[in-house]
């Protein structure tokens, strides 16, 4: 069952039944928004929903746990100074990859760190990395490959370590190799899909989906549990690839927003705020 945080819950006054403090005038007042991020990454987005007057319904569709091959990371820790870039595919890669290296040695000053979007860049800065290579607009592998640091003339002959989950797109690694880089890939976490009852989703006014894997897992659960009516709920997602996956799985109303949690919030506020 999803956790329903107390921020964003409403209180009626004794006389008129109106919400105290003007929360009924906030753009998400009275709205329940499903948050499907892994639990460790859900807090900031949930707080933003609550601050806008909504009620975040927490239902992580994917669980994350560390997956560290000891021999692999022993070797990487010894050779980390040899890399020009360490690329983290997600905030999960930051959490588990940095911890795995720091358990073996201090992080060296040599390699530049890079990541795909604002959430993982924030995680890197909180982990002590002041300089982070990150796209300004498009938060995916394609956006990374447009950066001057990873152009063919800049990356040829460079050594790049990619820290990621147990599966993922090969586009970035393959493109860097084609541009002449020496690329190594190491998994530092794995995803698994917990059994979930979707009954509580009936209370949601909107669903937010932030990975294609989560889209497919949710669609499978809805079909298995005969909750097909939920395919009509509005879906908000921050990437065209995830939006395409949602449409392919049968979700009817799919809103593609700008990237990251900021983009998701903008989409929700635009959609629900317009009806105030």
C-alpha atoms as a PDB file:
ATOM      1  CA  UNK A   1       0.000   0.000   0.000  1.00  0.00           C
ATOM      2  CA  UNK A   2       1.276   3.475  -0.748  1.00  0.00           C
ATOM      3  CA  UNK A   3       2.361   5.763   2.014  1.00  0.00           C
ATOM      4  CA  UNK A   4       0.275   8.906   2.228  1.00  0.00           C
ATOM      5  CA  UNK A   5       2.478  11.590   3.841  1.00  0.00           C
ATOM      6  CA  UNK A   6       0.945  14.024   6.266  1.00  0.00           C
ATOM      7  CA  UNK A   7       2.220  17.179   4.445  1.00  0.00           C
ATOM      8  CA  UNK A   8      -0.511  18.249   2.090  1.00  0.00           C
ATOM      9  CA  UNK A   9      -3.321  16.782   4.186  1.00  0.00           C
ATOM     10  CA  UNK A  10      -6.020  19.343   4.749  1.00  0.00           C
ATOM     11  CA  UNK A  11      -7.942  20.574   7.773  1.00  0.00           C
ATOM     12  CA  UNK A  12     -11.433  22.050   7.649  1.00  0.00           C
ATOM     13  CA  UNK A  13     -12.517  24.928   9.851  1.00  0.00           C
ATOM     14  CA  UNK A  14     -15.402  24.406  12.216  1.00  0.00           C
ATOM     15  CA  UNK A  15     -17.904  26.594  10.417  1.00  0.00           C
ATOM     16  CA  UNK A  16     -17.599  26.549   6.666  1.00  0.00           C
ATOM     17  CA  UNK A  17     -15.581  23.424   5.923  1.00  0.00           C
ATOM     18  CA  UNK A  18     -12.966  25.463   4.031  1.00  0.00           C
ATOM     19  CA  UNK A  19      -9.307  24.598   4.285  1.00  0.00           C
ATOM     20  CA  UNK A  20      -7.310  26.625   6.755  1.00  0.00           C
ATOM     21  CA  UNK A  21      -4.607  28.961   5.526  1.00  0.00           C
ATOM     22  CA  UNK A  22      -5.850  29.254   1.987  1.00  0.00           C
ATOM     23  CA  UNK A  23      -4.611  25.803   0.939  1.00  0.00           C
ATOM     24  CA  UNK A  24      -7.832  25.356  -1.057  1.00  0.00           C
ATOM     25  CA  UNK A  25      -6.486  28.036  -3.396  1.00  0.00           C
ATOM     26  CA  UNK A  26      -3.201  26.238  -4.058  1.00  0.00           C
ATOM     27  CA  UNK A  27      -2.918  24.729  -7.549  1.00  0.00           C
ATOM     28  CA  UNK A  28      -2.910  21.080  -6.435  1.00  0.00           C
ATOM     29  CA  UNK A  29      -5.427  21.458  -3.589  1.00  0.00           C
ATOM     30  CA  UNK A  30      -7.541  18.351  -3.276  1.00  0.00           C
ATOM     31  CA  UNK A  31      -5.418  16.429  -5.797  1.00  0.00           C
ATOM     32  CA  UNK A  32      -3.729  13.115  -5.076  1.00  0.00           C
ATOM     33  CA  UNK A  33      -0.613  12.555  -7.197  1.00  0.00           C
ATOM     34  CA  UNK A  34       0.974   9.149  -7.543  1.00  0.00           C
ATOM     35  CA  UNK A  35       4.772   9.206  -7.098  1.00  0.00           C
ATOM     36  CA  UNK A  36       6.396   6.075  -8.488  1.00  0.00           C
ATOM     37  CA  UNK A  37      10.097   6.891  -8.056  1.00  0.00           C
ATOM     38  CA  UNK A  38      12.264   4.554  -5.965  1.00  0.00           C
ATOM     39  CA  UNK A  39      11.811   5.524  -2.342  1.00  0.00           C
ATOM     40  CA  UNK A  40      15.260   7.072  -1.948  1.00  0.00           C
ATOM     41  CA  UNK A  41      14.572   9.592  -4.739  1.00  0.00           C
ATOM     42  CA  UNK A  42      10.937  10.419  -3.919  1.00  0.00           C
ATOM     43  CA  UNK A  43      11.237  12.870  -1.021  1.00  0.00           C
ATOM     44  CA  UNK A  44      11.975  16.098  -2.884  1.00  0.00           C
ATOM     45  CA  UNK A  45       9.230  15.608  -5.471  1.00  0.00           C
ATOM     46  CA  UNK A  46       6.727  14.561  -2.785  1.00  0.00           C
ATOM     47  CA  UNK A  47       7.533  17.688  -0.773  1.00  0.00           C
ATOM     48  CA  UNK A  48       6.968  19.865  -3.852  1.00  0.00           C
ATOM     49  CA  UNK A  49       3.548  18.287  -4.426  1.00  0.00           C
ATOM     50  CA  UNK A  50       2.602  18.865  -0.792  1.00  0.00           C
ATOM     51  CA  UNK A  51       3.805  22.482  -0.924  1.00  0.00           C
ATOM     52  CA  UNK A  52       1.444  23.040  -3.871  1.00  0.00           C
ATOM     53  CA  UNK A  53      -1.462  21.745  -1.797  1.00  0.00           C
ATOM     54  CA  UNK A  54      -1.551  18.196  -3.171  1.00  0.00           C
ATOM     55  CA  UNK A  55      -1.279  14.809  -1.525  1.00  0.00           C
ATOM     56  CA  UNK A  56       1.605  12.635  -2.740  1.00  0.00           C
ATOM     57  CA  UNK A  57       0.806   8.937  -2.884  1.00  0.00           C
ATOM     58  CA  UNK A  58       4.060   7.013  -2.641  1.00  0.00           C
ATOM     59  CA  UNK A  59       4.129   3.777  -4.590  1.00  0.00           C
ATOM     60  CA  UNK A  60       7.662   2.866  -5.707  1.00  0.00           C
ATOM     61  CA  UNK A  61       7.320   0.611  -8.744  1.00  0.00           C
ATOM     62  CA  UNK A  62      11.023  -0.249  -8.767  1.00  0.00           C
ATOM     63  CA  UNK A  63      13.216  -1.082  -5.785  1.00  0.00           C
ATOM     64  CA  UNK A  64      16.965  -0.467  -5.850  1.00  0.00           C
ATOM     65  CA  UNK A  65      19.641  -2.349  -3.996  1.00  0.00           C
ATOM     66  CA  UNK A  66      23.432  -2.313  -4.278  1.00  0.00           C
ATOM     67  CA  UNK A  67      25.087  -4.856  -6.535  1.00  0.00           C
ATOM     68  CA  UNK A  68      28.840  -4.691  -6.086  1.00  0.00           C
ATOM     69  CA  UNK A  69      31.184  -7.258  -7.558  1.00  0.00           C
ATOM     70  CA  UNK A  70      34.002  -7.071  -5.023  1.00  0.00           C
ATOM     71  CA  UNK A  71      36.814  -8.004  -7.400  1.00  0.00           C
ATOM     72  CA  UNK A  72      35.608  -5.546 -10.048  1.00  0.00           C
ATOM     73  CA  UNK A  73      35.473  -2.622  -7.642  1.00  0.00           C
ATOM     74  CA  UNK A  74      38.753  -3.560  -5.990  1.00  0.00           C
ATOM     75  CA  UNK A  75      40.350  -3.232  -9.417  1.00  0.00           C
ATOM     76  CA  UNK A  76      38.480  -0.046 -10.330  1.00  0.00           C
ATOM     77  CA  UNK A  77      39.509   1.597  -7.075  1.00  0.00           C
ATOM     78  CA  UNK A  78      43.169   0.863  -7.809  1.00  0.00           C
ATOM     79  CA  UNK A  79      42.914   2.235 -11.358  1.00  0.00           C
ATOM     80  CA  UNK A  80      40.525   5.136 -10.808  1.00  0.00           C
ATOM     81  CA  UNK A  81      43.250   7.760 -11.307  1.00  0.00           C
ATOM     82  CA  UNK A  82      43.714   6.445 -14.859  1.00  0.00           C
ATOM     83  CA  UNK A  83      40.243   7.511 -16.004  1.00  0.00           C
ATOM     84  CA  UNK A  84      39.526  10.920 -17.535  1.00  0.00           C
ATOM     85  CA  UNK A  85      35.783  10.743 -16.796  1.00  0.00           C
ATOM     86  CA  UNK A  86      33.529   8.814 -14.456  1.00  0.00           C
ATOM     87  CA  UNK A  87      29.953   8.919 -15.745  1.00  0.00           C
ATOM     88  CA  UNK A  88      27.011   8.141 -13.450  1.00  0.00           C
ATOM     89  CA  UNK A  89      23.805   7.140 -15.212  1.00  0.00           C
ATOM     90  CA  UNK A  90      21.504   8.088 -12.302  1.00  0.00           C
ATOM     91  CA  UNK A  91      21.286   9.219  -8.696  1.00  0.00           C
ATOM     92  CA  UNK A  92      21.267   5.528  -7.756  1.00  0.00           C
ATOM     93  CA  UNK A  93      24.608   5.111  -9.501  1.00  0.00           C
ATOM     94  CA  UNK A  94      25.932   8.081  -7.548  1.00  0.00           C
ATOM     95  CA  UNK A  95      24.776   6.665  -4.222  1.00  0.00           C
ATOM     96  CA  UNK A  96      26.058   3.148  -4.694  1.00  0.00           C
ATOM     97  CA  UNK A  97      29.027   3.790  -6.987  1.00  0.00           C
ATOM     98  CA  UNK A  98      30.578   6.531  -4.867  1.00  0.00           C
ATOM     99  CA  UNK A  99      30.048   4.470  -1.710  1.00  0.00           C
ATOM    100  CA  UNK A 100      31.697   1.419  -3.285  1.00  0.00           C
ATOM    101  CA  UNK A 101      34.803   3.383  -4.276  1.00  0.00           C
ATOM    102  CA  UNK A 102      35.071   5.329  -1.030  1.00  0.00           C
ATOM    103  CA  UNK A 103      34.855   2.090   0.927  1.00  0.00           C
ATOM    104  CA  UNK A 104      38.153   1.194  -0.753  1.00  0.00           C
ATOM    105  CA  UNK A 105      39.964   4.519  -1.090  1.00  0.00           C
ATOM    106  CA  UNK A 106      39.569   8.295  -1.104  1.00  0.00           C
ATOM    107  CA  UNK A 107      38.159   9.626  -4.363  1.00  0.00           C
ATOM    108  CA  UNK A 108      41.080  10.962  -6.439  1.00  0.00           C
ATOM    109  CA  UNK A 109      41.106  14.509  -7.859  1.00  0.00           C
ATOM    110  CA  UNK A 110      41.927  13.430 -11.402  1.00  0.00           C
ATOM    111  CA  UNK A 111      38.789  12.077 -13.111  1.00  0.00           C
ATOM    112  CA  UNK A 112      36.051  14.546 -14.050  1.00  0.00           C
ATOM    113  CA  UNK A 113      32.555  13.420 -13.023  1.00  0.00           C
ATOM    114  CA  UNK A 114      29.598  13.562 -15.377  1.00  0.00           C
ATOM    115  CA  UNK A 115      25.947  12.624 -15.230  1.00  0.00           C
ATOM    116  CA  UNK A 116      22.775  12.794 -17.208  1.00  0.00           C
ATOM    117  CA  UNK A 117      20.473  15.204 -15.380  1.00  0.00           C
ATOM    118  CA  UNK A 118      19.815  17.650 -12.538  1.00  0.00           C
ATOM    119  CA  UNK A 119      18.778  15.061  -9.951  1.00  0.00           C
ATOM    120  CA  UNK A 120      21.946  13.016 -10.253  1.00  0.00           C
ATOM    121  CA  UNK A 121      24.039  16.208 -10.562  1.00  0.00           C
ATOM    122  CA  UNK A 122      22.548  17.364  -7.243  1.00  0.00           C
ATOM    123  CA  UNK A 123      23.438  13.996  -5.705  1.00  0.00           C
ATOM    124  CA  UNK A 124      27.023  14.350  -6.916  1.00  0.00           C
ATOM    125  CA  UNK A 125      27.348  17.857  -5.469  1.00  0.00           C
ATOM    126  CA  UNK A 126      25.937  16.637  -2.160  1.00  0.00           C
ATOM    127  CA  UNK A 127      28.566  13.874  -2.265  1.00  0.00           C
ATOM    128  CA  UNK A 128      31.273  16.530  -2.471  1.00  0.00           C
ATOM    129  CA  UNK A 129      31.883  16.990  -6.203  1.00  0.00           C
ATOM    130  CA  UNK A 130      31.897  20.706  -6.935  1.00  0.00           C
ATOM    131  CA  UNK A 131      32.327  20.416 -10.717  1.00  0.00           C
ATOM    132  CA  UNK A 132      29.873  18.202 -12.587  1.00  0.00           C
ATOM    133  CA  UNK A 133      29.530  17.822 -16.348  1.00  0.00           C
ATOM    134  CA  UNK A 134      25.766  17.702 -17.042  1.00  0.00           C
ATOM    135  CA  UNK A 135      23.501  18.735 -19.928  1.00  0.00           C
ATOM    136  CA  UNK A 136      21.611  21.996 -19.572  1.00  0.00           C
ATOM    137  CA  UNK A 137      18.515  20.839 -21.423  1.00  0.00           C
ATOM    138  CA  UNK A 138      18.182  17.289 -22.720  1.00  0.00           C
ATOM    139  CA  UNK A 139      18.665  14.865 -19.822  1.00  0.00           C
ATOM    140  CA  UNK A 140      19.520  11.587 -21.533  1.00  0.00           C
ATOM    141  CA  UNK A 141      22.331   9.835 -23.394  1.00  0.00           C
ATOM    142  CA  UNK A 142      21.618  11.841 -26.518  1.00  0.00           C
ATOM    143  CA  UNK A 143      21.961  15.049 -24.516  1.00  0.00           C
ATOM    144  CA  UNK A 144      25.273  13.883 -23.092  1.00  0.00           C
ATOM    145  CA  UNK A 145      26.601  13.107 -26.549  1.00  0.00           C
ATOM    146  CA  UNK A 146      25.829  16.664 -27.669  1.00  0.00           C
ATOM    147  CA  UNK A 147      28.151  18.133 -25.029  1.00  0.00           C
ATOM    148  CA  UNK A 148      31.504  19.412 -26.343  1.00  0.00           C
ATOM    149  CA  UNK A 149      33.376  17.319 -23.763  1.00  0.00           C
ATOM    150  CA  UNK A 150      32.174  14.150 -25.500  1.00  0.00           C
ATOM    151  CA  UNK A 151      32.621  15.218 -29.116  1.00  0.00           C
ATOM    152  CA  UNK A 152      34.847  12.981 -31.223  1.00  0.00           C
ATOM    153  CA  UNK A 153      37.760  15.407 -31.270  1.00  0.00           C
ATOM    154  CA  UNK A 154      37.680  15.782 -27.464  1.00  0.00           C
ATOM    155  CA  UNK A 155      36.940  12.243 -26.298  1.00  0.00           C
ATOM    156  CA  UNK A 156      39.150  10.228 -28.678  1.00  0.00           C
ATOM    157  CA  UNK A 157      41.874   8.493 -26.678  1.00  0.00           C
ATOM    158  CA  UNK A 158      40.225   9.305 -23.332  1.00  0.00           C
ATOM    159  CA  UNK A 159      39.313   6.700 -20.731  1.00  0.00           C
ATOM    160  CA  UNK A 160      35.742   6.690 -19.441  1.00  0.00           C
ATOM    161  CA  UNK A 161      34.215   4.656 -16.622  1.00  0.00           C
ATOM    162  CA  UNK A 162      30.427   4.287 -16.681  1.00  0.00           C
ATOM    163  CA  UNK A 163      28.730   3.362 -13.396  1.00  0.00           C
ATOM    164  CA  UNK A 164      25.181   2.130 -13.812  1.00  0.00           C
ATOM    165  CA  UNK A 165      22.593  -0.495 -12.866  1.00  0.00           C
ATOM    166  CA  UNK A 166      22.548  -4.121 -13.874  1.00  0.00           C
ATOM    167  CA  UNK A 167      20.915  -3.251 -17.196  1.00  0.00           C
ATOM    168  CA  UNK A 168      20.489  -0.175 -19.309  1.00  0.00           C
ATOM    169  CA  UNK A 169      20.884   1.439 -22.690  1.00  0.00           C
ATOM    170  CA  UNK A 170      24.207   0.889 -24.425  1.00  0.00           C
ATOM    171  CA  UNK A 171      23.897   4.022 -26.578  1.00  0.00           C
ATOM    172  CA  UNK A 172      26.284   6.257 -24.619  1.00  0.00           C
ATOM    173  CA  UNK A 173      29.011   3.631 -24.212  1.00  0.00           C
ATOM    174  CA  UNK A 174      28.768   2.508 -27.833  1.00  0.00           C
ATOM    175  CA  UNK A 175      28.856   6.074 -29.166  1.00  0.00           C
ATOM    176  CA  UNK A 176      31.914   6.952 -27.080  1.00  0.00           C
ATOM    177  CA  UNK A 177      33.718   3.866 -28.343  1.00  0.00           C
ATOM    178  CA  UNK A 178      32.874   4.844 -31.917  1.00  0.00           C
ATOM    179  CA  UNK A 179      34.388   8.267 -31.178  1.00  0.00           C
ATOM    180  CA  UNK A 180      37.632   6.661 -30.054  1.00  0.00           C
ATOM    181  CA  UNK A 181      37.236   6.510 -26.281  1.00  0.00           C
ATOM    182  CA  UNK A 182      38.309   3.575 -24.101  1.00  0.00           C
ATOM    183  CA  UNK A 183      35.147   2.748 -22.143  1.00  0.00           C
ATOM    184  CA  UNK A 184      34.570   0.464 -19.160  1.00  0.00           C
ATOM    185  CA  UNK A 185      31.140  -0.259 -17.690  1.00  0.00           C
ATOM    186  CA  UNK A 186      30.472  -1.472 -14.143  1.00  0.00           C
ATOM    187  CA  UNK A 187      27.195  -2.235 -12.401  1.00  0.00           C
ATOM    188  CA  UNK A 188      26.810  -0.904  -8.869  1.00  0.00           C
ATOM    189  CA  UNK A 189      23.098  -1.530  -8.245  1.00  0.00           C
ATOM    190  CA  UNK A 190      20.257  -3.675  -9.466  1.00  0.00           C
ATOM    191  CA  UNK A 191      16.562  -3.067  -9.974  1.00  0.00           C
ATOM    192  CA  UNK A 192      13.771  -5.396  -9.017  1.00  0.00           C
ATOM    193  CA  UNK A 193      10.014  -5.100  -9.288  1.00  0.00           C
ATOM    194  CA  UNK A 194       8.091  -5.659  -6.056  1.00  0.00           C
ATOM    195  CA  UNK A 195       4.600  -7.200  -5.992  1.00  0.00           C
ATOM    196  CA  UNK A 196       2.139  -4.333  -5.596  1.00  0.00           C
ATOM    197  CA  UNK A 197      -1.605  -4.025  -5.163  1.00  0.00           C
ATOM    198  CA  UNK A 198      -2.886  -1.308  -7.493  1.00  0.00           C
ATOM    199  CA  UNK A 199      -6.184  -0.883  -5.642  1.00  0.00           C
ATOM    200  CA  UNK A 200      -4.944   2.278  -3.925  1.00  0.00           C
ATOM    201  CA  UNK A 201      -4.318   3.897  -7.314  1.00  0.00           C
ATOM    202  CA  UNK A 202      -8.041   4.546  -7.596  1.00  0.00           C
ATOM    203  CA  UNK A 203      -7.508   7.515  -5.258  1.00  0.00           C
ATOM    204  CA  UNK A 204      -4.960   9.135  -7.580  1.00  0.00           C
ATOM    205  CA  UNK A 205      -5.926  12.081  -9.770  1.00  0.00           C
ATOM    206  CA  UNK A 206      -2.719  11.721 -11.800  1.00  0.00           C
ATOM    207  CA  UNK A 207       0.205   9.328 -12.206  1.00  0.00           C
ATOM    208  CA  UNK A 208       3.839  10.376 -12.546  1.00  0.00           C
ATOM    209  CA  UNK A 209       6.133   7.890 -14.286  1.00  0.00           C
ATOM    210  CA  UNK A 210       9.866   8.458 -14.573  1.00  0.00           C
ATOM    211  CA  UNK A 211      11.232   5.340 -16.266  1.00  0.00           C
ATOM    212  CA  UNK A 212      10.180   3.076 -19.116  1.00  0.00           C
ATOM    213  CA  UNK A 213      10.662   0.051 -16.852  1.00  0.00           C
ATOM    214  CA  UNK A 214       8.184   1.518 -14.363  1.00  0.00           C
ATOM    215  CA  UNK A 215       5.674   2.125 -17.153  1.00  0.00           C
ATOM    216  CA  UNK A 216       5.841  -1.474 -18.316  1.00  0.00           C
ATOM    217  CA  UNK A 217       5.703  -2.859 -14.773  1.00  0.00           C
ATOM    218  CA  UNK A 218       2.661  -0.749 -13.894  1.00  0.00           C
ATOM    219  CA  UNK A 219       0.836  -1.671 -17.091  1.00  0.00           C
ATOM    220  CA  UNK A 220       1.476  -5.360 -16.400  1.00  0.00           C
ATOM    221  CA  UNK A 221       0.107  -4.998 -12.855  1.00  0.00           C
ATOM    222  CA  UNK A 222      -2.997  -3.163 -14.066  1.00  0.00           C
ATOM    223  CA  UNK A 223      -3.775  -5.925 -16.524  1.00  0.00           C
ATOM    224  CA  UNK A 224      -3.076  -8.730 -14.045  1.00  0.00           C
ATOM    225  CA  UNK A 225      -5.274  -7.114 -11.384  1.00  0.00           C
ATOM    226  CA  UNK A 226      -8.029  -6.152 -13.825  1.00  0.00           C
ATOM    227  CA  UNK A 227      -7.714  -2.432 -13.171  1.00  0.00           C
ATOM    228  CA  UNK A 228      -7.855  -1.337 -16.779  1.00  0.00           C
ATOM    229  CA  UNK A 229      -9.854   1.793 -15.926  1.00  0.00           C
ATOM    230  CA  UNK A 230      -6.644   3.241 -14.523  1.00  0.00           C
ATOM    231  CA  UNK A 231      -5.259   3.462 -18.050  1.00  0.00           C
ATOM    232  CA  UNK A 232      -7.518   6.521 -18.388  1.00  0.00           C
ATOM    233  CA  UNK A 233      -5.793   8.414 -15.545  1.00  0.00           C
ATOM    234  CA  UNK A 234      -3.636  11.325 -16.739  1.00  0.00           C
ATOM    235  CA  UNK A 235       0.026  10.355 -16.854  1.00  0.00           C
ATOM    236  CA  UNK A 236       2.874  12.863 -16.540  1.00  0.00           C
ATOM    237  CA  UNK A 237       6.365  11.906 -17.634  1.00  0.00           C
ATOM    238  CA  UNK A 238       9.530  13.973 -18.221  1.00  0.00           C
ATOM    239  CA  UNK A 239      10.953  12.256 -21.302  1.00  0.00           C
ATOM    240  CA  UNK A 240       9.715  11.442 -24.817  1.00  0.00           C
ATOM    241  CA  UNK A 241      10.949   7.846 -24.612  1.00  0.00           C
ATOM    242  CA  UNK A 242       8.938   7.247 -21.419  1.00  0.00           C
ATOM    243  CA  UNK A 243       5.913   8.990 -22.917  1.00  0.00           C
ATOM    244  CA  UNK A 244       6.123   6.725 -25.966  1.00  0.00           C
ATOM    245  CA  UNK A 245       6.320   3.659 -23.705  1.00  0.00           C
ATOM    246  CA  UNK A 246       3.212   4.835 -21.811  1.00  0.00           C
ATOM    247  CA  UNK A 247       1.246   5.279 -25.042  1.00  0.00           C
ATOM    248  CA  UNK A 248       2.437   1.906 -26.322  1.00  0.00           C
ATOM    249  CA  UNK A 249       1.207   0.256 -23.119  1.00  0.00           C
ATOM    250  CA  UNK A 250      -2.261   1.779 -23.529  1.00  0.00           C
ATOM    251  CA  UNK A 251      -2.319   4.862 -21.303  1.00  0.00           C
ATOM    252  CA  UNK A 252      -4.754   7.238 -22.944  1.00  0.00           C
ATOM    253  CA  UNK A 253      -3.833  10.686 -21.607  1.00  0.00           C
ATOM    254  CA  UNK A 254      -0.053  11.122 -21.568  1.00  0.00           C
ATOM    255  CA  UNK A 255       1.502  14.508 -20.808  1.00  0.00           C
ATOM    256  CA  UNK A 256       5.157  14.869 -21.731  1.00  0.00           C
ATOM    257  CA  UNK A 257       6.736  17.548 -19.543  1.00  0.00           C
ATOM    258  CA  UNK A 258      10.103  19.257 -19.386  1.00  0.00           C
ATOM    259  CA  UNK A 259      12.881  17.251 -17.766  1.00  0.00           C
ATOM    260  CA  UNK A 260      13.373  16.350 -14.119  1.00  0.00           C
ATOM    261  CA  UNK A 261      11.174  16.937 -11.102  1.00  0.00           C
ATOM    262  CA  UNK A 262      10.927  20.627 -11.984  1.00  0.00           C
ATOM    263  CA  UNK A 263       9.443  19.757 -15.359  1.00  0.00           C
ATOM    264  CA  UNK A 264       7.000  17.289 -13.812  1.00  0.00           C
ATOM    265  CA  UNK A 265       5.814  19.910 -11.328  1.00  0.00           C
ATOM    266  CA  UNK A 266       5.388  22.479 -14.080  1.00  0.00           C
ATOM    267  CA  UNK A 267       3.259  20.013 -16.023  1.00  0.00           C
ATOM    268  CA  UNK A 268       1.089  19.185 -13.015  1.00  0.00           C
ATOM    269  CA  UNK A 269       0.626  22.843 -12.087  1.00  0.00           C
ATOM    270  CA  UNK A 270      -0.267  23.801 -15.652  1.00  0.00           C
ATOM    271  CA  UNK A 271      -2.790  20.958 -15.956  1.00  0.00           C
ATOM    272  CA  UNK A 272      -4.525  21.272 -12.590  1.00  0.00           C
ATOM    273  CA  UNK A 273      -3.913  24.978 -11.949  1.00  0.00           C
ATOM    274  CA  UNK A 274      -5.831  25.883 -15.079  1.00  0.00           C
ATOM    275  CA  UNK A 275      -8.999  24.464 -13.534  1.00  0.00           C
ATOM    276  CA  UNK A 276      -8.884  26.621 -10.394  1.00  0.00           C
END
